[in-house]
C-alpha atoms as a PDB file:
ATOM      1  CA  MET A   1      51.812 -24.575  -3.772  1.00  0.00           C
ATOM      2  CA  ASP A   2      54.978 -24.991  -5.739  1.00  0.00           C
ATOM      3  CA  PRO A   3      55.019 -22.646  -8.780  1.00  0.00           C
ATOM      4  CA  ALA A   4      57.355 -25.028 -10.579  1.00  0.00           C
ATOM      5  CA  ASP A   5      54.872 -27.920 -10.275  1.00  0.00           C
ATOM      6  CA  PRO A   6      51.957 -27.631 -12.766  1.00  0.00           C
ATOM      7  CA  LEU A   7      49.877 -30.118 -10.756  1.00  0.00           C
ATOM      8  CA  SER A   8      49.786 -27.769  -7.784  1.00  0.00           C
ATOM      9  CA  PHE A   9      47.726 -25.369  -9.944  1.00  0.00           C
ATOM     10  CA  ALA A  10      45.712 -27.961 -11.859  1.00  0.00           C
ATOM     11  CA  VAL A  11      44.238 -29.827  -8.867  1.00  0.00           C
ATOM     12  CA  PRO A  12      42.447 -26.774  -7.329  1.00  0.00           C
ATOM     13  CA  LEU A  13      41.222 -25.661 -10.759  1.00  0.00           C
ATOM     14  CA  VAL A  14      39.792 -29.100 -11.489  1.00  0.00           C
ATOM     15  CA  GLY A  15      38.086 -29.095  -8.083  1.00  0.00           C
ATOM     16  CA  ILE A  16      36.499 -25.680  -8.673  1.00  0.00           C
ATOM     17  CA  THR A  17      35.370 -26.748 -12.154  1.00  0.00           C
ATOM     18  CA  LEU A  18      33.730 -29.894 -10.756  1.00  0.00           C
ATOM     19  CA  VAL A  19      31.867 -27.895  -8.099  1.00  0.00           C
ATOM     20  CA  LEU A  20      30.581 -25.397 -10.676  1.00  0.00           C
ATOM     21  CA  LEU A  21      29.532 -28.225 -12.984  1.00  0.00           C
ATOM     22  CA  ALA A  22      27.624 -29.891 -10.139  1.00  0.00           C
ATOM     23  CA  VAL A  23      25.792 -26.633  -9.378  1.00  0.00           C
ATOM     24  CA  ILE A  24      24.813 -26.188 -13.014  1.00  0.00           C
ATOM     25  CA  LEU A  25      23.680 -29.805 -13.456  1.00  0.00           C
ATOM     26  CA  THR A  26      21.559 -29.754 -10.295  1.00  0.00           C
ATOM     27  CA  GLY A  27      19.714 -26.631 -11.404  1.00  0.00           C
ATOM     28  CA  GLY A  28      21.547 -24.058  -9.339  1.00  0.00           C
ATOM     29  CA  ARG A  29      21.322 -21.555 -12.174  1.00  0.00           C
ATOM     30  CA  ARG A  30      17.580 -21.956 -12.796  1.00  0.00           C
ATOM     31  CA  HIS A  31      15.366 -18.908 -12.595  1.00  0.00           C
ATOM     32  CA  LEU A  32      11.711 -19.320 -11.711  1.00  0.00           C
ATOM     33  CA  ARG A  33       9.120 -17.730 -13.986  1.00  0.00           C
ATOM     34  CA  LEU A  34       6.030 -16.714 -12.021  1.00  0.00           C
ATOM     35  CA  ASN A  35       2.399 -16.789 -13.118  1.00  0.00           C
ATOM     36  CA  ALA A  36      -0.898 -16.074 -11.342  1.00  0.00           C
ATOM     37  CA  GLY A  37      -1.488 -19.724 -10.402  1.00  0.00           C
ATOM     38  CA  LEU A  38       1.910 -20.188  -8.801  1.00  0.00           C
ATOM     39  CA  ALA A  39       1.589 -16.832  -7.024  1.00  0.00           C
ATOM     40  CA  ALA A  40      -1.826 -17.815  -5.627  1.00  0.00           C
ATOM     41  CA  ARG A  41      -0.397 -21.097  -4.293  1.00  0.00           C
ATOM     42  CA  ARG A  42       2.557 -19.356  -2.655  1.00  0.00           C
ATOM     43  CA  LEU A  43       0.278 -16.730  -1.108  1.00  0.00           C
ATOM     44  CA  ALA A  44      -1.970 -19.473   0.287  1.00  0.00           C
ATOM     45  CA  GLU A  45       1.066 -21.224   1.795  1.00  0.00           C
ATOM     46  CA  ASP A  46       2.871 -18.205   3.260  1.00  0.00           C
ATOM     47  CA  LEU A  47      -0.039 -15.852   4.002  1.00  0.00           C
ATOM     48  CA  PRO A  48      -3.112 -18.059   4.539  1.00  0.00           C
ATOM     49  CA  ASP A  49      -5.155 -15.098   5.837  1.00  0.00           C
ATOM     50  CA  PHE A  50      -4.471 -13.056   2.667  1.00  0.00           C
ATOM     51  CA  GLN A  51      -7.215 -13.449   0.047  1.00  0.00           C
ATOM     52  CA  PRO A  52      -6.010 -12.112  -3.331  1.00  0.00           C
ATOM     53  CA  GLN A  53      -8.717 -10.267  -5.268  1.00  0.00           C
ATOM     54  CA  ALA A  54      -6.548  -9.169  -8.194  1.00  0.00           C
ATOM     55  CA  MET A  55      -3.009  -9.799  -9.419  1.00  0.00           C
ATOM     56  CA  LEU A  56      -0.575  -7.923 -11.618  1.00  0.00           C
ATOM     57  CA  VAL A  57       1.910 -10.330 -13.188  1.00  0.00           C
ATOM     58  CA  ASP A  58       5.151  -8.806 -14.406  1.00  0.00           C
ATOM     59  CA  GLN A  59       5.761  -9.392 -18.139  1.00  0.00           C
ATOM     60  CA  ASP A  60       9.123 -10.970 -17.330  1.00  0.00           C
ATOM     61  CA  GLY A  61       7.547 -13.323 -14.790  1.00  0.00           C
ATOM     62  CA  ASN A  62       9.810 -12.073 -11.996  1.00  0.00           C
ATOM     63  CA  THR A  63       7.187 -10.460  -9.758  1.00  0.00           C
ATOM     64  CA  VAL A  64       3.470 -10.662  -8.996  1.00  0.00           C
ATOM     65  CA  LEU A  65       1.687  -7.890  -7.092  1.00  0.00           C
ATOM     66  CA  ALA A  66      -1.495  -9.072  -5.367  1.00  0.00           C
ATOM     67  CA  ARG A  67      -4.297  -6.942  -3.938  1.00  0.00           C
ATOM     68  CA  GLY A  68      -6.439  -8.258  -1.129  1.00  0.00           C
ATOM     69  CA  PRO A  69      -9.262  -6.760   0.925  1.00  0.00           C
ATOM     70  CA  ASP A  70      -6.813  -5.622   3.614  1.00  0.00           C
ATOM     71  CA  GLY A  71      -3.718  -4.662   1.617  1.00  0.00           C
ATOM     72  CA  PHE A  72      -1.105  -5.862  -0.821  1.00  0.00           C
ATOM     73  CA  ALA A  73       1.461  -8.638  -1.088  1.00  0.00           C
ATOM     74  CA  VAL A  74       4.283  -9.347  -3.501  1.00  0.00           C
ATOM     75  CA  VAL A  75       5.441 -12.726  -4.782  1.00  0.00           C
ATOM     76  CA  PHE A  76       8.866 -12.619  -6.396  1.00  0.00           C
ATOM     77  CA  ALA A  77      11.358 -15.008  -7.920  1.00  0.00           C
ATOM     78  CA  ALA A  78      14.348 -15.720  -5.727  1.00  0.00           C
ATOM     79  CA  GLY A  79      16.419 -17.997  -7.935  1.00  0.00           C
ATOM     80  CA  ALA A  80      14.511 -21.230  -8.433  1.00  0.00           C
ATOM     81  CA  ARG A  81      12.020 -20.434  -5.652  1.00  0.00           C
ATOM     82  CA  ALA A  82       9.228 -17.949  -5.030  1.00  0.00           C
ATOM     83  CA  ALA A  83       9.276 -15.684  -1.978  1.00  0.00           C
ATOM     84  CA  VAL A  84       6.352 -13.745  -0.513  1.00  0.00           C
ATOM     85  CA  ARG A  85       6.285 -10.361   1.221  1.00  0.00           C
ATOM     86  CA  ARG A  86       3.279  -8.573   2.636  1.00  0.00           C
ATOM     87  CA  ILE A  87       3.470  -4.839   1.972  1.00  0.00           C
ATOM     88  CA  SER A  88       2.692  -2.773   5.031  1.00  0.00           C
ATOM     89  CA  GLY A  89       2.670   0.432   3.022  1.00  0.00           C
ATOM     90  CA  PRO A  90       4.662   1.533  -0.006  1.00  0.00           C
ATOM     91  CA  THR A  91       7.277   4.124   0.873  1.00  0.00           C
ATOM     92  CA  GLY A  92       7.597   5.167  -2.758  1.00  0.00           C
ATOM     93  CA  LEU A  93       5.757   4.646  -6.008  1.00  0.00           C
ATOM     94  CA  GLN A  94       6.777   5.579  -9.522  1.00  0.00           C
ATOM     95  CA  VAL A  95       5.117   4.908 -12.877  1.00  0.00           C
ATOM     96  CA  GLU A  96       6.878   5.403 -16.198  1.00  0.00           C
ATOM     97  CA  GLY A  97       4.781   4.106 -19.068  1.00  0.00           C
ATOM     98  CA  GLY A  98       4.347   0.419 -18.407  1.00  0.00           C
ATOM     99  CA  ARG A  99       6.935   0.259 -15.628  1.00  0.00           C
ATOM    100  CA  LEU A 100       5.725   0.345 -12.020  1.00  0.00           C
ATOM    101  CA  THR A 101       8.406   0.756  -9.343  1.00  0.00           C
ATOM    102  CA  LEU A 102       7.284   0.064  -5.810  1.00  0.00           C
ATOM    103  CA  ALA A 103       9.572   0.945  -2.902  1.00  0.00           C
ATOM    104  CA  THR A 104       8.670  -0.976   0.240  1.00  0.00           C
ATOM    105  CA  GLY A 105      11.330   0.020   2.718  1.00  0.00           C
ATOM    106  CA  ASP A 106      11.851  -3.684   3.455  1.00  0.00           C
ATOM    107  CA  PHE A 107      15.467  -4.403   4.386  1.00  0.00           C
ATOM    108  CA  THR A 108      15.770  -7.639   2.394  1.00  0.00           C
ATOM    109  CA  HIS A 109      13.994  -6.502  -0.772  1.00  0.00           C
ATOM    110  CA  PRO A 110      13.453  -2.732  -0.748  1.00  0.00           C
ATOM    111  CA  ARG A 111      12.152  -2.286  -4.305  1.00  0.00           C
ATOM    112  CA  PHE A 112      10.017  -4.190  -6.798  1.00  0.00           C
ATOM    113  CA  VAL A 113       9.719  -3.362 -10.481  1.00  0.00           C
ATOM    114  CA  LEU A 114       6.848  -4.685 -12.589  1.00  0.00           C
ATOM    115  CA  THR A 115       6.366  -4.158 -16.308  1.00  0.00           C
ATOM    116  CA  ALA A 116       2.924  -4.445 -17.872  1.00  0.00           C
ATOM    117  CA  ASP A 117       0.528  -2.582 -20.145  1.00  0.00           C
ATOM    118  CA  PRO A 118       0.757   1.168 -19.355  1.00  0.00           C
ATOM    119  CA  ALA A 119      -2.990   1.469 -18.665  1.00  0.00           C
ATOM    120  CA  VAL A 120      -2.861  -1.470 -16.259  1.00  0.00           C
ATOM    121  CA  THR A 121       0.159  -0.140 -14.363  1.00  0.00           C
ATOM    122  CA  ALA A 122      -1.538   3.277 -14.104  1.00  0.00           C
ATOM    123  CA  ASP A 123      -4.644   1.629 -12.581  1.00  0.00           C
ATOM    124  CA  TRP A 124      -2.531  -0.283 -10.060  1.00  0.00           C
ATOM    125  CA  ALA A 125      -0.609   2.888  -9.194  1.00  0.00           C
ATOM    126  CA  ARG A 126      -3.901   4.714  -8.506  1.00  0.00           C
ATOM    127  CA  THR A 127      -5.040   1.855  -6.278  1.00  0.00           C
ATOM    128  CA  LEU A 128      -1.729   1.813  -4.376  1.00  0.00           C
ATOM    129  CA  ARG A 129      -1.784   5.595  -3.908  1.00  0.00           C
ATOM    130  CA  ALA A 130      -5.378   5.482  -2.627  1.00  0.00           C
ATOM    131  CA  TRP A 131      -4.461   2.707  -0.183  1.00  0.00           C
ATOM    132  CA  ARG A 132      -1.390   4.559   0.966  1.00  0.00           C
ATOM    133  CA  GLY A 133      -3.424   7.688   1.654  1.00  0.00           C
END
């Protein structure tokens, strides 16, 4: 790059701008909003043996906690896609009003935070604590 030549700076900047524009136009910045129906479909696809009996959908639509007869699973937004994790046992659980924080100990996603009605989050916390032992 020649500092005296303005084109030597402009060409890389134009290239970077075009790449960013392409990402934005193709939906690279989209964020998925989850609901119970989408969570049920993703659970059926990724964990076909898991039968959800109840779901707690985060108010922001970022996370869904599902309870089945043999444990819990979490569906969470990962950009424009939904990812699923089965919870083998919560390593930590905290409830503050309507905010439920669930630590899983999972390397890739160690903590989930769900916000809902305080009475509902308290019920889910009791269920998680009873399951955990």
